[in-house]
C-alpha atoms as a PDB file:
ATOM      1  CA  MET A   1     205.429 -17.003 112.822  1.00  0.00           C
ATOM      2  CA  LYS A   2     206.611 -14.021 114.971  1.00  0.00           C
ATOM      3  CA  GLN A   3     206.246 -13.944 118.637  1.00  0.00           C
ATOM      4  CA  LYS A   4     203.330 -11.537 119.817  1.00  0.00           C
ATOM      5  CA  ILE A   5     203.472  -9.385 122.839  1.00  0.00           C
ATOM      6  CA  TRP A   6     200.347  -9.569 124.939  1.00  0.00           C
ATOM      7  CA  PHE A   7     199.318  -7.525 127.647  1.00  0.00           C
ATOM      8  CA  ILE A   8     196.835  -8.739 129.933  1.00  0.00           C
ATOM      9  CA  THR A   9     195.512  -7.283 133.274  1.00  0.00           C
ATOM     10  CA  GLY A  10     194.295  -9.052 136.283  1.00  0.00           C
ATOM     11  CA  ILE A  11     196.323 -12.421 135.869  1.00  0.00           C
ATOM     12  CA  SER A  12     196.490 -13.536 139.253  1.00  0.00           C
ATOM     13  CA  SER A  13     193.453 -15.858 138.917  1.00  0.00           C
ATOM     14  CA  GLY A  14     190.547 -16.941 136.869  1.00  0.00           C
ATOM     15  CA  LEU A  15     190.358 -16.377 132.927  1.00  0.00           C
ATOM     16  CA  GLY A  16     193.472 -13.921 133.139  1.00  0.00           C
ATOM     17  CA  LYS A  17     195.685 -16.927 134.697  1.00  0.00           C
ATOM     18  CA  SER A  18     194.192 -19.365 132.252  1.00  0.00           C
ATOM     19  CA  LEU A  19     194.972 -17.089 129.297  1.00  0.00           C
ATOM     20  CA  THR A  20     198.478 -16.137 130.412  1.00  0.00           C
ATOM     21  CA  GLU A  21     199.317 -19.900 130.716  1.00  0.00           C
ATOM     22  CA  ALA A  22     197.946 -20.834 127.423  1.00  0.00           C
ATOM     23  CA  VAL A  23     199.755 -17.878 125.632  1.00  0.00           C
ATOM     24  CA  LEU A  24     202.955 -18.806 127.255  1.00  0.00           C
ATOM     25  CA  GLU A  25     202.509 -22.490 125.948  1.00  0.00           C
ATOM     26  CA  LYS A  26     201.752 -21.113 122.526  1.00  0.00           C
ATOM     27  CA  GLY A  27     205.332 -19.177 122.670  1.00  0.00           C
ATOM     28  CA  ASP A  28     204.133 -15.555 122.989  1.00  0.00           C
ATOM     29  CA  PHE A  29     205.395 -13.018 125.570  1.00  0.00           C
ATOM     30  CA  VAL A  30     203.042 -11.599 128.293  1.00  0.00           C
ATOM     31  CA  ILE A  31     202.838  -8.620 129.940  1.00  0.00           C
ATOM     32  CA  GLY A  32     200.536  -9.209 132.788  1.00  0.00           C
ATOM     33  CA  THR A  33     199.081  -6.970 135.738  1.00  0.00           C
ATOM     34  CA  PHE A  34     198.844  -7.649 139.570  1.00  0.00           C
ATOM     35  CA  ARG A  35     197.755  -5.989 142.555  1.00  0.00           C
ATOM     36  CA  GLN A  36     200.257  -7.286 145.221  1.00  0.00           C
ATOM     37  CA  ALA A  37     204.140  -6.959 144.675  1.00  0.00           C
ATOM     38  CA  ALA A  38     204.519 -10.476 146.166  1.00  0.00           C
ATOM     39  CA  GLN A  39     202.666 -11.868 143.317  1.00  0.00           C
ATOM     40  CA  VAL A  40     204.841  -9.940 140.767  1.00  0.00           C
ATOM     41  CA  GLU A  41     207.975 -11.042 142.247  1.00  0.00           C
ATOM     42  CA  ALA A  42     206.731 -14.771 142.177  1.00  0.00           C
ATOM     43  CA  PHE A  43     205.661 -14.347 138.621  1.00  0.00           C
ATOM     44  CA  ASN A  44     208.907 -12.779 137.372  1.00  0.00           C
ATOM     45  CA  ARG A  45     211.030 -15.635 139.062  1.00  0.00           C
ATOM     46  CA  SER A  46     208.949 -18.317 137.492  1.00  0.00           C
ATOM     47  CA  PHE A  47     208.728 -17.028 133.936  1.00  0.00           C
ATOM     48  CA  ALA A  48     212.153 -15.024 133.597  1.00  0.00           C
ATOM     49  CA  GLY A  49     212.574 -14.063 130.089  1.00  0.00           C
ATOM     50  CA  LYS A  50     209.209 -15.566 128.981  1.00  0.00           C
ATOM     51  CA  ALA A  51     207.006 -12.951 130.411  1.00  0.00           C
ATOM     52  CA  LEU A  52     206.804  -9.904 132.716  1.00  0.00           C
ATOM     53  CA  GLY A  53     204.714  -9.121 135.813  1.00  0.00           C
ATOM     54  CA  VAL A  54     203.879  -5.674 136.558  1.00  0.00           C
ATOM     55  CA  LEU A  55     202.249  -4.087 139.576  1.00  0.00           C
ATOM     56  CA  LEU A  56     199.313  -2.082 138.258  1.00  0.00           C
ATOM     57  CA  ASP A  57     196.134  -0.469 139.578  1.00  0.00           C
ATOM     58  CA  ILE A  58     194.228   0.007 136.571  1.00  0.00           C
ATOM     59  CA  THR A  59     192.158   2.784 138.207  1.00  0.00           C
ATOM     60  CA  ASP A  60     194.949   4.968 138.824  1.00  0.00           C
ATOM     61  CA  ASN A  61     195.695   6.635 135.315  1.00  0.00           C
ATOM     62  CA  GLU A  62     199.024   7.813 136.286  1.00  0.00           C
ATOM     63  CA  GLN A  63     199.997   4.292 136.897  1.00  0.00           C
ATOM     64  CA  VAL A  64     198.620   3.132 133.606  1.00  0.00           C
ATOM     65  CA  ILE A  65     200.488   5.725 131.892  1.00  0.00           C
ATOM     66  CA  ASN A  66     203.848   4.949 133.447  1.00  0.00           C
ATOM     67  CA  THR A  67     203.164   1.368 132.671  1.00  0.00           C
ATOM     68  CA  PHE A  68     202.823   1.841 128.985  1.00  0.00           C
ATOM     69  CA  LEU A  69     205.812   4.235 128.972  1.00  0.00           C
ATOM     70  CA  MET A  70     207.668   1.455 130.119  1.00  0.00           C
ATOM     71  CA  ILE A  71     206.304  -0.877 127.377  1.00  0.00           C
ATOM     72  CA  GLN A  72     207.054   1.599 124.917  1.00  0.00           C
ATOM     73  CA  GLN A  73     210.649   1.933 126.101  1.00  0.00           C
ATOM     74  CA  GLU A  74     211.514  -1.761 126.776  1.00  0.00           C
ATOM     75  CA  PHE A  75     209.289  -3.620 124.299  1.00  0.00           C
ATOM     76  CA  GLY A  76     207.992  -0.972 121.441  1.00  0.00           C
ATOM     77  CA  GLN A  77     205.088  -2.835 120.827  1.00  0.00           C
ATOM     78  CA  ILE A  78     201.877  -4.669 122.028  1.00  0.00           C
ATOM     79  CA  ASP A  79     200.154  -6.915 119.764  1.00  0.00           C
ATOM     80  CA  VAL A  80     197.079  -8.116 122.072  1.00  0.00           C
ATOM     81  CA  LEU A  81     195.413  -6.158 124.747  1.00  0.00           C
ATOM     82  CA  VAL A  82     193.133  -7.895 127.277  1.00  0.00           C
ATOM     83  CA  ASN A  83     190.977  -5.869 129.486  1.00  0.00           C
ATOM     84  CA  ASN A  84     190.269  -8.566 132.061  1.00  0.00           C
ATOM     85  CA  ALA A  85     190.713  -6.782 135.544  1.00  0.00           C
ATOM     86  CA  GLY A  86     187.384  -6.063 137.080  1.00  0.00           C
ATOM     87  CA  PHE A  87     184.864  -7.214 139.844  1.00  0.00           C
ATOM     88  CA  GLY A  88     181.220  -8.413 140.056  1.00  0.00           C
ATOM     89  CA  PHE A  89     178.657  -6.604 142.352  1.00  0.00           C
ATOM     90  CA  ALA A  90     175.487  -7.543 143.360  1.00  0.00           C
ATOM     91  CA  GLY A  91     172.862  -5.200 144.853  1.00  0.00           C
ATOM     92  CA  ALA A  92     169.463  -3.678 144.091  1.00  0.00           C
ATOM     93  CA  ILE A  93     169.697  -0.453 142.366  1.00  0.00           C
ATOM     94  CA  GLU A  94     168.405   1.608 145.406  1.00  0.00           C
ATOM     95  CA  GLU A  95     170.339  -0.291 147.767  1.00  0.00           C
ATOM     96  CA  ALA A  96     173.743   0.678 146.301  1.00  0.00           C
ATOM     97  CA  ASP A  97     175.434   3.891 147.339  1.00  0.00           C
ATOM     98  CA  ASN A  98     177.648   6.479 145.542  1.00  0.00           C
ATOM     99  CA  GLN A  99     181.148   5.114 146.737  1.00  0.00           C
ATOM    100  CA  GLU A 100     179.926   1.594 145.560  1.00  0.00           C
ATOM    101  CA  ILE A 101     178.760   2.534 142.361  1.00  0.00           C
ATOM    102  CA  ARG A 102     181.756   4.497 141.500  1.00  0.00           C
ATOM    103  CA  ALA A 103     184.062   1.696 142.556  1.00  0.00           C
ATOM    104  CA  VAL A 104     182.291  -0.722 139.967  1.00  0.00           C
ATOM    105  CA  PHE A 105     182.743   1.995 137.339  1.00  0.00           C
ATOM    106  CA  GLU A 106     186.142   2.797 138.209  1.00  0.00           C
ATOM    107  CA  ALA A 107     187.257  -1.055 137.900  1.00  0.00           C
ATOM    108  CA  ASN A 108     185.018  -2.316 135.136  1.00  0.00           C
ATOM    109  CA  PHE A 109     184.663   0.793 132.936  1.00  0.00           C
ATOM    110  CA  PHE A 110     187.110   3.507 133.622  1.00  0.00           C
ATOM    111  CA  GLY A 111     190.107   1.452 134.353  1.00  0.00           C
ATOM    112  CA  ALA A 112     189.494  -0.531 130.905  1.00  0.00           C
ATOM    113  CA  TRP A 113     189.144   2.861 129.079  1.00  0.00           C
ATOM    114  CA  GLN A 114     192.393   4.228 130.625  1.00  0.00           C
ATOM    115  CA  VAL A 115     194.319   1.247 129.335  1.00  0.00           C
ATOM    116  CA  THR A 116     192.859   1.101 126.226  1.00  0.00           C
ATOM    117  CA  LYS A 117     193.832   4.666 125.617  1.00  0.00           C
ATOM    118  CA  ALA A 118     197.186   4.118 126.537  1.00  0.00           C
ATOM    119  CA  ALA A 119     197.849   1.241 124.226  1.00  0.00           C
ATOM    120  CA  LEU A 120     196.361   2.712 121.177  1.00  0.00           C
ATOM    121  CA  PRO A 121     199.196   5.008 120.203  1.00  0.00           C
ATOM    122  CA  MET A 122     201.294   2.062 119.798  1.00  0.00           C
ATOM    123  CA  MET A 123     198.605  -0.142 117.977  1.00  0.00           C
ATOM    124  CA  ARG A 124     198.095   2.946 115.510  1.00  0.00           C
ATOM    125  CA  ASN A 125     201.844   3.355 114.861  1.00  0.00           C
ATOM    126  CA  GLN A 126     202.046  -0.288 114.198  1.00  0.00           C
ATOM    127  CA  LYS A 127     198.774  -0.394 112.005  1.00  0.00           C
ATOM    128  CA  SER A 128     197.964  -3.524 113.696  1.00  0.00           C
ATOM    129  CA  GLY A 129     196.699  -4.881 116.830  1.00  0.00           C
ATOM    130  CA  TYR A 130     193.890  -6.881 118.344  1.00  0.00           C
ATOM    131  CA  ILE A 131     191.587  -5.782 121.823  1.00  0.00           C
ATOM    132  CA  PHE A 132     189.776  -8.115 123.787  1.00  0.00           C
ATOM    133  CA  GLN A 133     187.346  -6.405 125.990  1.00  0.00           C
ATOM    134  CA  ILE A 134     186.371  -8.768 128.697  1.00  0.00           C
ATOM    135  CA  SER A 135     182.656  -7.962 129.094  1.00  0.00           C
ATOM    136  CA  SER A 136     179.867 -10.483 130.353  1.00  0.00           C
ATOM    137  CA  HIS A 137     176.524 -11.709 129.229  1.00  0.00           C
ATOM    138  CA  GLY A 138     175.556  -9.171 131.677  1.00  0.00           C
ATOM    139  CA  GLY A 139     177.000  -6.654 129.605  1.00  0.00           C
ATOM    140  CA  PHE A 140     174.355  -7.101 126.979  1.00  0.00           C
ATOM    141  CA  LYS A 141     171.279  -8.390 129.261  1.00  0.00           C
ATOM    142  CA  ALA A 142     170.429  -6.588 132.506  1.00  0.00           C
ATOM    143  CA  PHE A 143     169.376  -8.941 135.629  1.00  0.00           C
ATOM    144  CA  PRO A 144     167.535  -7.906 138.848  1.00  0.00           C
ATOM    145  CA  GLY A 145     170.186  -7.397 141.644  1.00  0.00           C
ATOM    146  CA  PHE A 146     172.943  -7.017 138.966  1.00  0.00           C
ATOM    147  CA  GLY A 147     171.950  -3.689 137.381  1.00  0.00           C
ATOM    148  CA  ILE A 148     175.069  -1.642 138.810  1.00  0.00           C
ATOM    149  CA  TYR A 149     177.425  -4.392 137.150  1.00  0.00           C
ATOM    150  CA  ASN A 150     175.108  -4.151 134.274  1.00  0.00           C
ATOM    151  CA  ALA A 151     175.541  -0.396 133.983  1.00  0.00           C
ATOM    152  CA  ALA A 152     179.259  -0.585 133.928  1.00  0.00           C
ATOM    153  CA  LYS A 153     179.691  -3.400 131.296  1.00  0.00           C
ATOM    154  CA  PHE A 154     176.960  -1.968 129.279  1.00  0.00           C
ATOM    155  CA  ALA A 155     179.046   1.377 129.303  1.00  0.00           C
ATOM    156  CA  LEU A 156     181.995  -0.820 128.372  1.00  0.00           C
ATOM    157  CA  GLU A 157     180.282  -2.374 125.433  1.00  0.00           C
ATOM    158  CA  GLY A 158     179.008   1.185 124.283  1.00  0.00           C
ATOM    159  CA  MET A 159     182.302   2.554 124.003  1.00  0.00           C
ATOM    160  CA  SER A 160     183.816  -0.663 122.485  1.00  0.00           C
ATOM    161  CA  GLU A 161     181.232  -1.000 119.768  1.00  0.00           C
ATOM    162  CA  ALA A 162     182.252   2.615 118.478  1.00  0.00           C
ATOM    163  CA  LEU A 163     185.982   2.218 119.332  1.00  0.00           C
ATOM    164  CA  ALA A 164     185.831  -1.086 116.952  1.00  0.00           C
ATOM    165  CA  ALA A 165     184.294   1.236 114.024  1.00  0.00           C
ATOM    166  CA  GLU A 166     187.165   3.857 114.598  1.00  0.00           C
ATOM    167  CA  ILE A 167     190.132   1.492 114.780  1.00  0.00           C
ATOM    168  CA  ALA A 168     189.047  -0.738 112.020  1.00  0.00           C
ATOM    169  CA  PRO A 169     190.379   1.504 109.061  1.00  0.00           C
ATOM    170  CA  LEU A 170     193.911   1.718 110.960  1.00  0.00           C
ATOM    171  CA  GLY A 171     194.191  -2.162 111.189  1.00  0.00           C
ATOM    172  CA  ILE A 172     193.374  -2.773 114.681  1.00  0.00           C
ATOM    173  CA  LYS A 173     190.581  -5.343 115.596  1.00  0.00           C
ATOM    174  CA  LEU A 174     188.479  -5.490 118.605  1.00  0.00           C
ATOM    175  CA  THR A 175     186.371  -8.311 120.235  1.00  0.00           C
ATOM    176  CA  ILE A 176     183.833  -7.762 123.166  1.00  0.00           C
ATOM    177  CA  VAL A 177     183.982 -11.059 125.035  1.00  0.00           C
ATOM    178  CA  GLU A 178     180.868 -11.885 126.770  1.00  0.00           C
ATOM    179  CA  PRO A 179     181.202 -14.732 129.039  1.00  0.00           C
ATOM    180  CA  GLY A 180     178.499 -16.608 130.945  1.00  0.00           C
ATOM    181  CA  PRO A 181     179.274 -17.910 134.456  1.00  0.00           C
ATOM    182  CA  PHE A 182     182.686 -19.567 134.860  1.00  0.00           C
ATOM    183  CA  ARG A 183     184.637 -21.199 137.415  1.00  0.00           C
ATOM    184  CA  THR A 184     186.679 -18.140 138.204  1.00  0.00           C
ATOM    185  CA  GLN A 185     186.892 -15.982 141.295  1.00  0.00           C
ATOM    186  CA  PHE A 186     184.081 -13.861 139.935  1.00  0.00           C
ATOM    187  CA  ALA A 187     181.513 -15.130 142.223  1.00  0.00           C
ATOM    188  CA  GLY A 188     184.063 -15.739 145.183  1.00  0.00           C
ATOM    189  CA  ALA A 189     186.891 -13.312 146.076  1.00  0.00           C
ATOM    190  CA  SER A 190     186.194 -10.850 143.325  1.00  0.00           C
ATOM    191  CA  PHE A 191     182.516 -10.459 144.167  1.00  0.00           C
ATOM    192  CA  ALA A 192     181.225  -7.450 145.997  1.00  0.00           C
ATOM    193  CA  GLU A 193     177.687  -6.762 147.472  1.00  0.00           C
ATOM    194  CA  ALA A 194     175.812  -3.484 148.567  1.00  0.00           C
ATOM    195  CA  LYS A 195     176.154  -3.098 152.105  1.00  0.00           C
ATOM    196  CA  VAL A 196     172.472  -1.842 152.497  1.00  0.00           C
ATOM    197  CA  GLN A 197     169.994  -4.540 152.009  1.00  0.00           C
ATOM    198  CA  ILE A 198     165.928  -3.446 151.542  1.00  0.00           C
ATOM    199  CA  ALA A 199     163.424  -6.261 152.476  1.00  0.00           C
ATOM    200  CA  ASP A 200     161.162  -5.315 149.604  1.00  0.00           C
ATOM    201  CA  TYR A 201     163.994  -6.376 146.999  1.00  0.00           C
ATOM    202  CA  GLN A 202     164.608  -9.817 148.651  1.00  0.00           C
ATOM    203  CA  ALA A 203     162.452 -11.458 145.924  1.00  0.00           C
ATOM    204  CA  THR A 204     164.435  -9.935 143.121  1.00  0.00           C
ATOM    205  CA  ALA A 205     168.058  -8.729 144.161  1.00  0.00           C
ATOM    206  CA  GLY A 206     167.927 -10.927 147.215  1.00  0.00           C
ATOM    207  CA  VAL A 207     167.376 -13.955 145.273  1.00  0.00           C
ATOM    208  CA  PHE A 208     170.002 -13.024 142.985  1.00  0.00           C
ATOM    209  CA  ARG A 209     172.466 -12.510 145.668  1.00  0.00           C
ATOM    210  CA  ALA A 210     171.885 -15.855 146.859  1.00  0.00           C
ATOM    211  CA  ARG A 211     172.168 -17.458 143.501  1.00  0.00           C
ATOM    212  CA  ILE A 212     175.679 -16.210 142.802  1.00  0.00           C
ATOM    213  CA  LYS A 213     176.714 -17.318 146.208  1.00  0.00           C
ATOM    214  CA  GLY A 214     175.531 -20.838 145.669  1.00  0.00           C
ATOM    215  CA  VAL A 215     177.231 -21.430 142.164  1.00  0.00           C
ATOM    216  CA  ASP A 216     180.930 -20.397 143.201  1.00  0.00           C
ATOM    217  CA  GLY A 217     182.935 -23.060 141.786  1.00  0.00           C
ATOM    218  CA  LYS A 218     180.133 -24.926 140.104  1.00  0.00           C
ATOM    219  CA  GLN A 219     179.693 -22.690 136.925  1.00  0.00           C
ATOM    220  CA  GLU A 220     179.445 -24.316 133.686  1.00  0.00           C
ATOM    221  CA  GLY A 221     182.258 -22.457 132.228  1.00  0.00           C
ATOM    222  CA  ASN A 222     185.719 -23.460 131.711  1.00  0.00           C
ATOM    223  CA  PRO A 223     188.309 -20.569 131.731  1.00  0.00           C
ATOM    224  CA  ASP A 224     191.052 -22.761 129.912  1.00  0.00           C
ATOM    225  CA  LYS A 225     188.500 -23.070 126.921  1.00  0.00           C
ATOM    226  CA  ALA A 226     187.500 -19.679 126.839  1.00  0.00           C
ATOM    227  CA  ALA A 227     191.193 -18.873 126.761  1.00  0.00           C
ATOM    228  CA  GLN A 228     191.773 -21.089 123.846  1.00  0.00           C
ATOM    229  CA  ALA A 229     188.667 -19.637 121.953  1.00  0.00           C
ATOM    230  CA  MET A 230     190.294 -16.105 122.539  1.00  0.00           C
ATOM    231  CA  ILE A 231     194.009 -17.464 121.336  1.00  0.00           C
ATOM    232  CA  ASP A 232     192.248 -18.774 118.205  1.00  0.00           C
ATOM    233  CA  LEU A 233     190.522 -15.609 117.035  1.00  0.00           C
ATOM    234  CA  VAL A 234     193.933 -13.603 117.080  1.00  0.00           C
ATOM    235  CA  ASN A 235     194.745 -14.395 113.661  1.00  0.00           C
ATOM    236  CA  THR A 236     191.638 -14.735 112.336  1.00  0.00           C
ATOM    237  CA  GLU A 237     190.741 -12.244 109.240  1.00  0.00           C
ATOM    238  CA  ASN A 238     187.320 -11.210 110.540  1.00  0.00           C
ATOM    239  CA  PRO A 239     186.750 -11.794 114.118  1.00  0.00           C
ATOM    240  CA  PRO A 240     183.231 -11.210 115.584  1.00  0.00           C
ATOM    241  CA  LEU A 241     182.545  -8.049 117.551  1.00  0.00           C
ATOM    242  CA  ARG A 242     180.720 -10.108 120.138  1.00  0.00           C
ATOM    243  CA  LEU A 243     181.899 -13.464 121.473  1.00  0.00           C
ATOM    244  CA  PRO A 244     179.849 -15.072 123.777  1.00  0.00           C
ATOM    245  CA  LEU A 245     181.002 -17.835 125.712  1.00  0.00           C
ATOM    246  CA  GLY A 246     178.953 -20.566 127.382  1.00  0.00           C
ATOM    247  CA  LYS A 247     175.554 -22.058 126.866  1.00  0.00           C
ATOM    248  CA  ILE A 248     174.020 -19.544 129.432  1.00  0.00           C
ATOM    249  CA  ALA A 249     175.655 -16.425 127.634  1.00  0.00           C
ATOM    250  CA  LEU A 250     174.175 -17.760 124.361  1.00  0.00           C
ATOM    251  CA  ALA A 251     170.457 -18.161 126.238  1.00  0.00           C
ATOM    252  CA  SER A 252     170.831 -14.442 127.587  1.00  0.00           C
ATOM    253  CA  LEU A 253     171.876 -12.976 124.368  1.00  0.00           C
ATOM    254  CA  GLU A 254     169.015 -14.761 122.582  1.00  0.00           C
ATOM    255  CA  ALA A 255     166.382 -13.728 125.182  1.00  0.00           C
ATOM    256  CA  LYS A 256     167.421 -10.107 125.094  1.00  0.00           C
ATOM    257  CA  LEU A 257     167.264 -10.297 121.179  1.00  0.00           C
ATOM    258  CA  ALA A 258     163.748 -11.666 121.239  1.00  0.00           C
ATOM    259  CA  SER A 259     162.798  -9.073 123.706  1.00  0.00           C
ATOM    260  CA  VAL A 260     163.864  -6.416 121.459  1.00  0.00           C
ATOM    261  CA  GLN A 261     162.343  -7.969 118.521  1.00  0.00           C
ATOM    262  CA  ALA A 262     158.988  -8.197 120.356  1.00  0.00           C
ATOM    263  CA  ASP A 263     159.139  -4.533 121.028  1.00  0.00           C
ATOM    264  CA  LEU A 264     159.882  -3.384 117.780  1.00  0.00           C
ATOM    265  CA  GLU A 265     156.975  -5.403 116.097  1.00  0.00           C
ATOM    266  CA  ASN A 266     154.337  -4.666 118.918  1.00  0.00           C
ATOM    267  CA  TYR A 267     155.174  -0.928 118.794  1.00  0.00           C
ATOM    268  CA  ARG A 268     156.241  -0.391 115.144  1.00  0.00           C
ATOM    269  CA  SER A 269     153.188   1.658 114.554  1.00  0.00           C
ATOM    270  CA  VAL A 270     153.708   3.890 117.453  1.00  0.00           C
ATOM    271  CA  ALA A 271     157.540   4.471 116.392  1.00  0.00           C
ATOM    272  CA  GLU A 272     156.444   5.358 112.692  1.00  0.00           C
ATOM    273  CA  ARG A 273     153.705   8.121 113.980  1.00  0.00           C
ATOM    274  CA  ALA A 274     156.478   9.801 116.009  1.00  0.00           C
ATOM    275  CA  VAL A 275     158.253  11.803 113.289  1.00  0.00           C
ATOM    276  CA  TYR A 276     157.915  15.144 111.585  1.00  0.00           C
END
């Protein structure tokens, strides 16, 4: 089988690192992004000829464009794109300030959008490709204390759902990956909090903050198993639009669907009267 070229953002730790290791073990080639030059140098020494580490801030559109120009010139193709880079954020809606909110959206939505947009011309030219958008069970169901992150991931999912329909006739597939809690740096070094804390939200957002800190390193999800699940999908004829990962993710999605279904049934007559 022909060697595939993967472009994976945020491979220094967590799911990105596990996925990179699994893809290389499979024999495919990885172009992976880091935020620190020393990490790039160490990675390229270790995997010369098998992978390429690049320095990239996905929130810098000029850097993104230049990176994909290099890929076009050096490799001419990308078979699998994985938008993995991002970070978590806890805080009540009222607690978050403009700067904090924009940073969350830049990393979790706009960065992924810029990378996707830059990769699509190659995939359209190939008439093939696979895009993994790493979202969260929090990209489908919102939680008190997690609303800003939820909003960014909801945006990613809305964009990706439309994109999947746009690119399907072009031979390009897309799956939104929705992990629950996994043993990565998400609840540790990759997690930020609102600087302001309002006492009235301690019973909601405050509880969420404490819970996140308490589960760091103890989460149910195994990133190595998540990576393998993604690799298994790449050659699937009809992959899912959404892939929840973990028992908690399944419970979150089921709870949201049940809530929506209940609203539909309880207020169907109201909806039906609001016409003409």
